[in-house]
Amino acid sequence: FQTVVTNPERTMESEYLHVPKELKGHVIGKGGLVIKEIRKSSSANITSRSRDEEGFTITGTREQITNAKRLISEIMEEVKGRKTEGSPGELVKIPDKYKGIVFGVGGDTLKEISTQTGARMIRIQGECYITSGTKSQRDMTKLRIWSIVVSITL
């Protein structure tokens, strides 16, 4: 017969956190970088059965779970705040006569800028929208686009 005394602060728990599918990619990040950083910062284990499943299972001490939930919630709020109602993202105004050069053949220039800055962009009806990225990534994307426009006008 053995009695195990556990330290209440070290008791491991699991908790499910609902994250809508459309926000899950933002929480995971490119190549899993964001979720890895959340795991490192919170010391919690964060798992999901598949990308198609909504939410994450967070395992750790009560404090680790609380920290992980806070970090994930902050990311979701930031993403929700960037997406304005009725808009696919942040519109980047590009004068019509420069759009072809800024977009590139088949969108190659936009894809290159997106890869370099880490912000995602889409083109809808001839307009460019930044759909995701940190504030600094979005700012860098706009700077790259405008540097192309400026270099053409010189």
N, C-alpha and C. Protein backbone atom coordinates (compact mmCIF):
# COMPACT_ATOMS: atom_id res chain seq x y z
N PHE A 1 0.84 -1.18 0.00
CA PHE A 1 0.00 0.00 0.00
C PHE A 1 0.88 1.24 0.00
N GLN A 2 0.62 2.13 -0.92
CA GLN A 2 1.46 3.33 -1.03
C GLN A 2 0.55 4.55 -1.12
N THR A 3 0.90 5.58 -0.39
CA THR A 3 0.16 6.83 -0.44
C THR A 3 0.99 7.84 -1.21
N VAL A 4 0.39 8.44 -2.19
CA VAL A 4 1.10 9.44 -2.99
C VAL A 4 0.55 10.80 -2.61
N VAL A 5 1.43 11.65 -2.14
CA VAL A 5 1.04 13.01 -1.80
C VAL A 5 1.49 13.91 -2.95
N THR A 6 0.55 14.60 -3.53
CA THR A 6 0.91 15.47 -4.64
C THR A 6 0.89 16.92 -4.19
N ASN A 7 1.77 17.65 -4.74
CA ASN A 7 1.80 19.09 -4.51
C ASN A 7 0.70 19.69 -5.38
N PRO A 8 -0.28 20.39 -4.80
CA PRO A 8 -1.39 20.92 -5.59
C PRO A 8 -0.93 21.86 -6.72
N GLU A 9 0.19 22.51 -6.53
CA GLU A 9 0.69 23.42 -7.56
C GLU A 9 1.30 22.65 -8.74
N ARG A 10 1.60 21.38 -8.57
CA ARG A 10 2.23 20.57 -9.61
C ARG A 10 1.28 19.54 -10.22
N THR A 11 0.01 19.54 -9.78
CA THR A 11 -0.97 18.60 -10.33
C THR A 11 -1.22 18.93 -11.80
N MET A 12 -1.07 17.90 -12.64
CA MET A 12 -1.27 18.10 -14.07
C MET A 12 -2.76 17.97 -14.41
N GLU A 13 -3.21 18.86 -15.25
CA GLU A 13 -4.61 18.87 -15.68
C GLU A 13 -4.64 19.03 -17.20
N SER A 14 -5.78 18.75 -17.79
CA SER A 14 -6.00 19.00 -19.21
C SER A 14 -7.27 19.81 -19.36
N GLU A 15 -7.25 20.72 -20.31
CA GLU A 15 -8.42 21.54 -20.54
C GLU A 15 -8.53 21.81 -22.04
N TYR A 16 -9.75 21.81 -22.54
CA TYR A 16 -10.00 22.09 -23.96
C TYR A 16 -10.28 23.57 -24.12
N LEU A 17 -9.65 24.20 -25.11
CA LEU A 17 -9.91 25.60 -25.42
C LEU A 17 -10.46 25.68 -26.84
N HIS A 18 -11.67 26.19 -26.97
CA HIS A 18 -12.29 26.31 -28.29
C HIS A 18 -11.61 27.44 -29.08
N VAL A 19 -11.14 27.11 -30.27
CA VAL A 19 -10.58 28.09 -31.20
C VAL A 19 -11.22 27.80 -32.55
N PRO A 20 -11.96 28.77 -33.12
CA PRO A 20 -12.59 28.54 -34.42
C PRO A 20 -11.55 28.16 -35.48
N LYS A 21 -11.97 27.30 -36.42
CA LYS A 21 -11.04 26.83 -37.46
C LYS A 21 -10.37 27.98 -38.21
N GLU A 22 -11.13 29.06 -38.47
CA GLU A 22 -10.56 30.17 -39.25
C GLU A 22 -9.48 30.93 -38.48
N LEU A 23 -9.41 30.75 -37.16
CA LEU A 23 -8.37 31.42 -36.37
C LEU A 23 -7.24 30.47 -35.98
N LYS A 24 -7.47 29.19 -36.14
CA LYS A 24 -6.51 28.18 -35.69
C LYS A 24 -5.15 28.33 -36.38
N GLY A 25 -5.15 28.62 -37.67
CA GLY A 25 -3.90 28.80 -38.41
C GLY A 25 -3.07 29.95 -37.87
N HIS A 26 -3.74 31.00 -37.41
CA HIS A 26 -3.03 32.15 -36.84
C HIS A 26 -2.37 31.76 -35.52
N VAL A 27 -3.05 30.93 -34.74
CA VAL A 27 -2.51 30.48 -33.45
C VAL A 27 -1.32 29.54 -33.68
N ILE A 28 -1.42 28.71 -34.70
CA ILE A 28 -0.32 27.78 -35.00
C ILE A 28 0.85 28.54 -35.61
N GLY A 29 0.57 29.44 -36.55
CA GLY A 29 1.61 30.23 -37.19
C GLY A 29 2.34 29.46 -38.28
N LYS A 30 3.08 30.22 -39.07
CA LYS A 30 3.82 29.64 -40.18
C LYS A 30 4.86 28.65 -39.65
N GLY A 31 4.78 27.42 -40.13
CA GLY A 31 5.72 26.39 -39.68
C GLY A 31 5.59 26.04 -38.21
N GLY A 32 4.45 26.42 -37.60
CA GLY A 32 4.23 26.12 -36.19
C GLY A 32 4.97 27.04 -35.24
N LEU A 33 5.52 28.15 -35.76
CA LEU A 33 6.34 29.03 -34.92
C LEU A 33 5.58 29.66 -33.76
N VAL A 34 4.35 30.09 -34.00
CA VAL A 34 3.58 30.77 -32.95
C VAL A 34 3.23 29.79 -31.83
N ILE A 35 2.72 28.62 -32.20
CA ILE A 35 2.33 27.64 -31.16
C ILE A 35 3.55 27.17 -30.38
N LYS A 36 4.69 27.04 -31.05
CA LYS A 36 5.93 26.65 -30.35
C LYS A 36 6.31 27.71 -29.32
N GLU A 37 6.16 28.97 -29.70
CA GLU A 37 6.48 30.07 -28.77
C GLU A 37 5.52 30.08 -27.59
N ILE A 38 4.24 29.80 -27.84
CA ILE A 38 3.25 29.73 -26.76
C ILE A 38 3.60 28.59 -25.81
N ARG A 39 3.97 27.44 -26.38
CA ARG A 39 4.36 26.29 -25.54
C ARG A 39 5.56 26.66 -24.67
N LYS A 40 6.54 27.31 -25.29
CA LYS A 40 7.76 27.69 -24.57
C LYS A 40 7.45 28.70 -23.46
N SER A 41 6.66 29.73 -23.79
CA SER A 41 6.35 30.78 -22.82
C SER A 41 5.50 30.28 -21.66
N SER A 42 4.55 29.39 -21.95
CA SER A 42 3.62 28.93 -20.92
C SER A 42 4.07 27.64 -20.23
N SER A 43 4.99 26.92 -20.85
CA SER A 43 5.43 25.59 -20.38
C SER A 43 4.30 24.56 -20.39
N ALA A 44 3.22 24.86 -21.11
CA ALA A 44 2.11 23.92 -21.23
C ALA A 44 2.26 23.10 -22.51
N ASN A 45 1.68 21.92 -22.50
CA ASN A 45 1.64 21.10 -23.71
C ASN A 45 0.33 21.42 -24.42
N ILE A 46 0.41 21.82 -25.69
CA ILE A 46 -0.77 22.23 -26.45
C ILE A 46 -0.86 21.33 -27.67
N THR A 47 -1.98 20.61 -27.77
CA THR A 47 -2.14 19.67 -28.88
C THR A 47 -3.49 19.82 -29.55
N SER A 48 -3.54 19.29 -30.77
CA SER A 48 -4.77 19.25 -31.53
C SER A 48 -4.72 18.00 -32.39
N ARG A 49 -5.83 17.32 -32.51
CA ARG A 49 -5.84 16.09 -33.30
C ARG A 49 -5.62 16.36 -34.78
N SER A 50 -6.18 17.46 -35.29
CA SER A 50 -5.99 17.80 -36.70
C SER A 50 -6.23 19.28 -36.91
N ARG A 51 -5.76 19.78 -38.06
CA ARG A 51 -5.99 21.18 -38.39
C ARG A 51 -7.48 21.46 -38.60
N ASP A 52 -8.22 20.44 -38.99
CA ASP A 52 -9.65 20.62 -39.28
C ASP A 52 -10.50 20.68 -38.01
N GLU A 53 -9.96 20.19 -36.91
CA GLU A 53 -10.69 20.19 -35.64
C GLU A 53 -10.55 21.57 -35.00
N GLU A 54 -11.67 22.08 -34.50
CA GLU A 54 -11.61 23.36 -33.80
C GLU A 54 -10.98 23.15 -32.43
N GLY A 55 -10.15 24.09 -32.00
CA GLY A 55 -9.65 24.09 -30.64
C GLY A 55 -8.39 23.29 -30.38
N PHE A 56 -7.93 23.40 -29.13
CA PHE A 56 -6.71 22.75 -28.67
C PHE A 56 -6.95 22.13 -27.30
N THR A 57 -6.21 21.08 -27.00
CA THR A 57 -6.18 20.52 -25.65
C THR A 57 -4.90 21.02 -25.00
N ILE A 58 -5.04 21.66 -23.85
CA ILE A 58 -3.89 22.23 -23.14
C ILE A 58 -3.68 21.41 -21.87
N THR A 59 -2.45 20.92 -21.69
CA THR A 59 -2.12 20.10 -20.53
C THR A 59 -0.98 20.74 -19.76
N GLY A 60 -1.12 20.77 -18.43
CA GLY A 60 -0.07 21.32 -17.59
C GLY A 60 -0.63 21.62 -16.21
N THR A 61 0.12 22.40 -15.45
CA THR A 61 -0.39 22.83 -14.15
C THR A 61 -1.46 23.88 -14.40
N ARG A 62 -2.24 24.21 -13.39
CA ARG A 62 -3.29 25.23 -13.53
C ARG A 62 -2.68 26.52 -14.07
N GLU A 63 -1.53 26.93 -13.54
CA GLU A 63 -0.88 28.17 -13.97
C GLU A 63 -0.44 28.10 -15.43
N GLN A 64 0.13 26.96 -15.84
CA GLN A 64 0.57 26.80 -17.23
C GLN A 64 -0.62 26.87 -18.19
N ILE A 65 -1.71 26.21 -17.81
CA ILE A 65 -2.91 26.22 -18.65
C ILE A 65 -3.46 27.64 -18.76
N THR A 66 -3.52 28.35 -17.64
CA THR A 66 -4.02 29.72 -17.63
C THR A 66 -3.17 30.61 -18.53
N ASN A 67 -1.85 30.48 -18.44
CA ASN A 67 -0.95 31.28 -19.28
C ASN A 67 -1.13 30.96 -20.75
N ALA A 68 -1.22 29.68 -21.09
CA ALA A 68 -1.40 29.28 -22.49
C ALA A 68 -2.72 29.82 -23.05
N LYS A 69 -3.79 29.70 -22.26
CA LYS A 69 -5.10 30.20 -22.69
C LYS A 69 -5.05 31.71 -22.92
N ARG A 70 -4.36 32.42 -22.03
CA ARG A 70 -4.25 33.88 -22.17
C ARG A 70 -3.51 34.24 -23.47
N LEU A 71 -2.39 33.56 -23.75
CA LEU A 71 -1.61 33.85 -24.95
C LEU A 71 -2.41 33.54 -26.22
N ILE A 72 -3.10 32.41 -26.22
CA ILE A 72 -3.92 32.05 -27.39
C ILE A 72 -5.05 33.05 -27.57
N SER A 73 -5.70 33.45 -26.48
CA SER A 73 -6.79 34.42 -26.55
C SER A 73 -6.31 35.76 -27.07
N GLU A 74 -5.12 36.18 -26.66
CA GLU A 74 -4.56 37.45 -27.15
C GLU A 74 -4.37 37.40 -28.66
N ILE A 75 -3.88 36.29 -29.17
CA ILE A 75 -3.68 36.15 -30.62
C ILE A 75 -5.02 36.20 -31.34
N MET A 76 -6.01 35.49 -30.81
CA MET A 76 -7.34 35.49 -31.45
C MET A 76 -7.93 36.90 -31.46
N GLU A 77 -7.80 37.63 -30.36
CA GLU A 77 -8.34 38.99 -30.30
C GLU A 77 -7.62 39.91 -31.28
N GLU A 78 -6.30 39.75 -31.40
CA GLU A 78 -5.54 40.57 -32.35
C GLU A 78 -6.01 40.31 -33.77
N VAL A 79 -6.19 39.05 -34.12
CA VAL A 79 -6.64 38.69 -35.47
C VAL A 79 -8.05 39.23 -35.72
N LYS A 80 -8.94 39.06 -34.75
CA LYS A 80 -10.31 39.55 -34.89
C LYS A 80 -10.31 41.07 -35.05
N GLY A 81 -9.44 41.75 -34.32
CA GLY A 81 -9.36 43.20 -34.40
C GLY A 81 -8.87 43.70 -35.75
N ARG A 82 -8.04 42.90 -36.40
CA ARG A 82 -7.52 43.30 -37.71
C ARG A 82 -8.54 43.12 -38.81
N LYS A 83 -9.43 42.17 -38.63
CA LYS A 83 -10.42 41.88 -39.66
C LYS A 83 -11.64 42.75 -39.43
N THR A 84 -11.82 43.74 -40.27
CA THR A 84 -12.97 44.62 -40.12
C THR A 84 -14.19 43.97 -40.76
N GLU A 85 -15.36 44.32 -40.25
CA GLU A 85 -16.61 43.73 -40.75
C GLU A 85 -16.75 43.97 -42.25
N GLY A 86 -17.10 42.91 -42.97
CA GLY A 86 -17.36 43.02 -44.40
C GLY A 86 -16.11 43.15 -45.25
N SER A 87 -14.95 43.10 -44.66
CA SER A 87 -13.70 43.25 -45.40
C SER A 87 -12.85 42.00 -45.22
N PRO A 88 -12.18 41.57 -46.31
CA PRO A 88 -11.33 40.39 -46.18
C PRO A 88 -10.03 40.65 -45.42
N GLY A 89 -9.75 41.91 -45.14
CA GLY A 89 -8.51 42.25 -44.45
C GLY A 89 -8.25 43.74 -44.59
N GLU A 90 -7.01 44.12 -44.40
CA GLU A 90 -6.62 45.52 -44.49
C GLU A 90 -6.30 45.86 -45.94
N LEU A 91 -7.06 46.81 -46.52
CA LEU A 91 -6.86 47.21 -47.91
C LEU A 91 -5.58 48.02 -48.04
N VAL A 92 -4.76 47.66 -49.02
CA VAL A 92 -3.56 48.44 -49.33
C VAL A 92 -3.86 49.18 -50.62
N LYS A 93 -3.98 50.51 -50.53
CA LYS A 93 -4.30 51.33 -51.70
C LYS A 93 -3.09 51.40 -52.62
N ILE A 94 -3.27 50.95 -53.86
CA ILE A 94 -2.21 51.00 -54.86
C ILE A 94 -2.81 51.69 -56.08
N PRO A 95 -2.17 52.78 -56.55
CA PRO A 95 -2.69 53.44 -57.76
C PRO A 95 -2.81 52.44 -58.91
N ASP A 96 -3.92 52.53 -59.67
CA ASP A 96 -4.21 51.58 -60.74
C ASP A 96 -3.04 51.37 -61.69
N LYS A 97 -2.35 52.45 -62.06
CA LYS A 97 -1.29 52.31 -63.07
C LYS A 97 -0.08 51.53 -62.57
N TYR A 98 0.02 51.28 -61.25
CA TYR A 98 1.16 50.54 -60.70
C TYR A 98 0.80 49.12 -60.26
N LYS A 99 -0.49 48.79 -60.29
CA LYS A 99 -0.93 47.49 -59.78
C LYS A 99 -0.26 46.31 -60.47
N GLY A 100 -0.13 46.36 -61.80
CA GLY A 100 0.48 45.26 -62.54
C GLY A 100 1.89 44.96 -62.08
N ILE A 101 2.66 46.01 -61.87
CA ILE A 101 4.06 45.82 -61.45
C ILE A 101 4.12 45.36 -59.99
N VAL A 102 3.28 45.94 -59.15
CA VAL A 102 3.27 45.55 -57.73
C VAL A 102 2.80 44.10 -57.57
N PHE A 103 1.76 43.71 -58.32
CA PHE A 103 1.24 42.34 -58.21
C PHE A 103 2.22 41.34 -58.81
N GLY A 104 2.82 41.69 -59.96
CA GLY A 104 3.73 40.76 -60.64
C GLY A 104 2.97 39.73 -61.44
N VAL A 105 3.67 39.02 -62.31
CA VAL A 105 3.05 38.00 -63.15
C VAL A 105 2.50 36.88 -62.26
N GLY A 106 1.20 36.65 -62.38
CA GLY A 106 0.57 35.60 -61.57
C GLY A 106 0.65 35.86 -60.07
N GLY A 107 0.85 37.12 -59.68
CA GLY A 107 0.95 37.46 -58.26
C GLY A 107 2.30 37.16 -57.65
N ASP A 108 3.32 36.92 -58.51
CA ASP A 108 4.65 36.53 -58.01
C ASP A 108 5.27 37.56 -57.07
N THR A 109 5.12 38.84 -57.39
CA THR A 109 5.73 39.87 -56.54
C THR A 109 5.06 39.90 -55.17
N LEU A 110 3.74 39.80 -55.15
CA LEU A 110 3.03 39.77 -53.86
C LEU A 110 3.43 38.55 -53.05
N LYS A 111 3.56 37.39 -53.72
CA LYS A 111 3.97 36.17 -53.01
C LYS A 111 5.36 36.34 -52.41
N GLU A 112 6.25 36.96 -53.18
CA GLU A 112 7.62 37.18 -52.69
C GLU A 112 7.62 38.10 -51.47
N ILE A 113 6.85 39.19 -51.55
CA ILE A 113 6.75 40.12 -50.41
C ILE A 113 6.18 39.39 -49.20
N SER A 114 5.16 38.59 -49.42
CA SER A 114 4.53 37.84 -48.34
C SER A 114 5.52 36.89 -47.67
N THR A 115 6.31 36.20 -48.49
CA THR A 115 7.32 35.28 -47.95
C THR A 115 8.37 36.03 -47.13
N GLN A 116 8.78 37.20 -47.63
CA GLN A 116 9.83 37.97 -46.95
C GLN A 116 9.34 38.60 -45.65
N THR A 117 8.09 39.05 -45.64
CA THR A 117 7.60 39.78 -44.46
C THR A 117 6.84 38.90 -43.47
N GLY A 118 6.29 37.79 -43.94
CA GLY A 118 5.51 36.92 -43.07
C GLY A 118 4.04 37.27 -43.00
N ALA A 119 3.63 38.38 -43.63
CA ALA A 119 2.21 38.75 -43.67
C ALA A 119 1.56 38.09 -44.89
N ARG A 120 0.33 37.64 -44.73
CA ARG A 120 -0.37 37.04 -45.87
C ARG A 120 -1.19 38.10 -46.59
N MET A 121 -1.22 37.98 -47.91
CA MET A 121 -1.99 38.92 -48.72
C MET A 121 -2.84 38.15 -49.72
N ILE A 122 -3.96 38.78 -50.09
CA ILE A 122 -4.79 38.24 -51.16
C ILE A 122 -5.17 39.37 -52.11
N ARG A 123 -5.50 38.97 -53.32
CA ARG A 123 -5.96 39.93 -54.33
C ARG A 123 -7.41 39.62 -54.63
N ILE A 124 -8.26 40.61 -54.48
CA ILE A 124 -9.68 40.44 -54.80
C ILE A 124 -10.10 41.60 -55.69
N GLN A 125 -10.61 41.27 -56.86
CA GLN A 125 -11.10 42.26 -57.82
C GLN A 125 -10.10 43.40 -58.00
N GLY A 126 -8.84 43.05 -58.20
CA GLY A 126 -7.82 44.04 -58.49
C GLY A 126 -7.34 44.84 -57.30
N GLU A 127 -7.77 44.48 -56.11
CA GLU A 127 -7.31 45.17 -54.90
C GLU A 127 -6.48 44.21 -54.07
N CYS A 128 -5.56 44.76 -53.28
CA CYS A 128 -4.67 43.96 -52.45
C CYS A 128 -5.08 44.14 -50.99
N TYR A 129 -5.27 43.00 -50.30
CA TYR A 129 -5.63 43.02 -48.89
C TYR A 129 -4.60 42.23 -48.09
N ILE A 130 -4.19 42.77 -46.94
CA ILE A 130 -3.33 42.04 -46.02
C ILE A 130 -4.28 41.33 -45.06
N THR A 131 -4.24 39.99 -45.07
CA THR A 131 -5.21 39.23 -44.28
C THR A 131 -4.68 38.77 -42.94
N SER A 132 -3.36 38.72 -42.77
CA SER A 132 -2.82 38.30 -41.47
C SER A 132 -1.38 38.75 -41.34
N GLY A 133 -0.91 38.73 -40.09
CA GLY A 133 0.45 39.13 -39.78
C GLY A 133 0.45 40.05 -38.58
N THR A 134 1.58 40.15 -37.92
CA THR A 134 1.70 41.08 -36.80
C THR A 134 1.68 42.50 -37.34
N LYS A 135 1.54 43.47 -36.46
CA LYS A 135 1.55 44.87 -36.90
C LYS A 135 2.84 45.18 -37.65
N SER A 136 3.96 44.72 -37.14
CA SER A 136 5.24 45.02 -37.80
C SER A 136 5.34 44.31 -39.15
N GLN A 137 4.80 43.08 -39.27
CA GLN A 137 4.80 42.39 -40.56
C GLN A 137 3.92 43.13 -41.57
N ARG A 138 2.76 43.59 -41.12
CA ARG A 138 1.86 44.33 -42.02
C ARG A 138 2.49 45.65 -42.44
N ASP A 139 3.11 46.34 -41.49
CA ASP A 139 3.78 47.61 -41.82
C ASP A 139 4.91 47.39 -42.81
N MET A 140 5.69 46.32 -42.61
CA MET A 140 6.79 46.01 -43.52
C MET A 140 6.25 45.68 -44.91
N THR A 141 5.13 45.00 -44.98
CA THR A 141 4.51 44.67 -46.26
C THR A 141 4.12 45.94 -47.00
N LYS A 142 3.45 46.86 -46.30
CA LYS A 142 3.05 48.13 -46.94
C LYS A 142 4.28 48.91 -47.39
N LEU A 143 5.32 48.90 -46.57
CA LEU A 143 6.56 49.59 -46.93
C LEU A 143 7.17 48.99 -48.20
N ARG A 144 7.21 47.67 -48.29
CA ARG A 144 7.75 46.99 -49.49
C ARG A 144 6.93 47.35 -50.73
N ILE A 145 5.60 47.35 -50.60
CA ILE A 145 4.73 47.69 -51.73
C ILE A 145 4.99 49.13 -52.17
N TRP A 146 5.04 50.05 -51.20
CA TRP A 146 5.24 51.44 -51.56
C TRP A 146 6.65 51.72 -52.08
N SER A 147 7.62 50.94 -51.65
CA SER A 147 8.98 51.13 -52.20
C SER A 147 9.01 50.73 -53.67
N ILE A 148 8.19 49.74 -54.06
CA ILE A 148 8.08 49.38 -55.48
C ILE A 148 7.46 50.53 -56.26
N VAL A 149 6.36 51.09 -55.74
CA VAL A 149 5.69 52.21 -56.41
C VAL A 149 6.64 53.39 -56.55
N VAL A 150 7.35 53.72 -55.48
CA VAL A 150 8.28 54.86 -55.51
C VAL A 150 9.40 54.61 -56.51
N SER A 151 9.94 53.39 -56.56
CA SER A 151 11.04 53.11 -57.49
C SER A 151 10.59 53.23 -58.95
N ILE A 152 9.32 52.97 -59.22
CA ILE A 152 8.79 53.10 -60.58
C ILE A 152 8.67 54.57 -60.96
N THR A 153 8.29 55.41 -60.01
CA THR A 153 8.05 56.82 -60.31
C THR A 153 9.33 57.63 -60.44
N LEU A 154 10.45 57.07 -60.00
CA LEU A 154 11.72 57.81 -60.07
C LEU A 154 12.29 57.81 -61.47
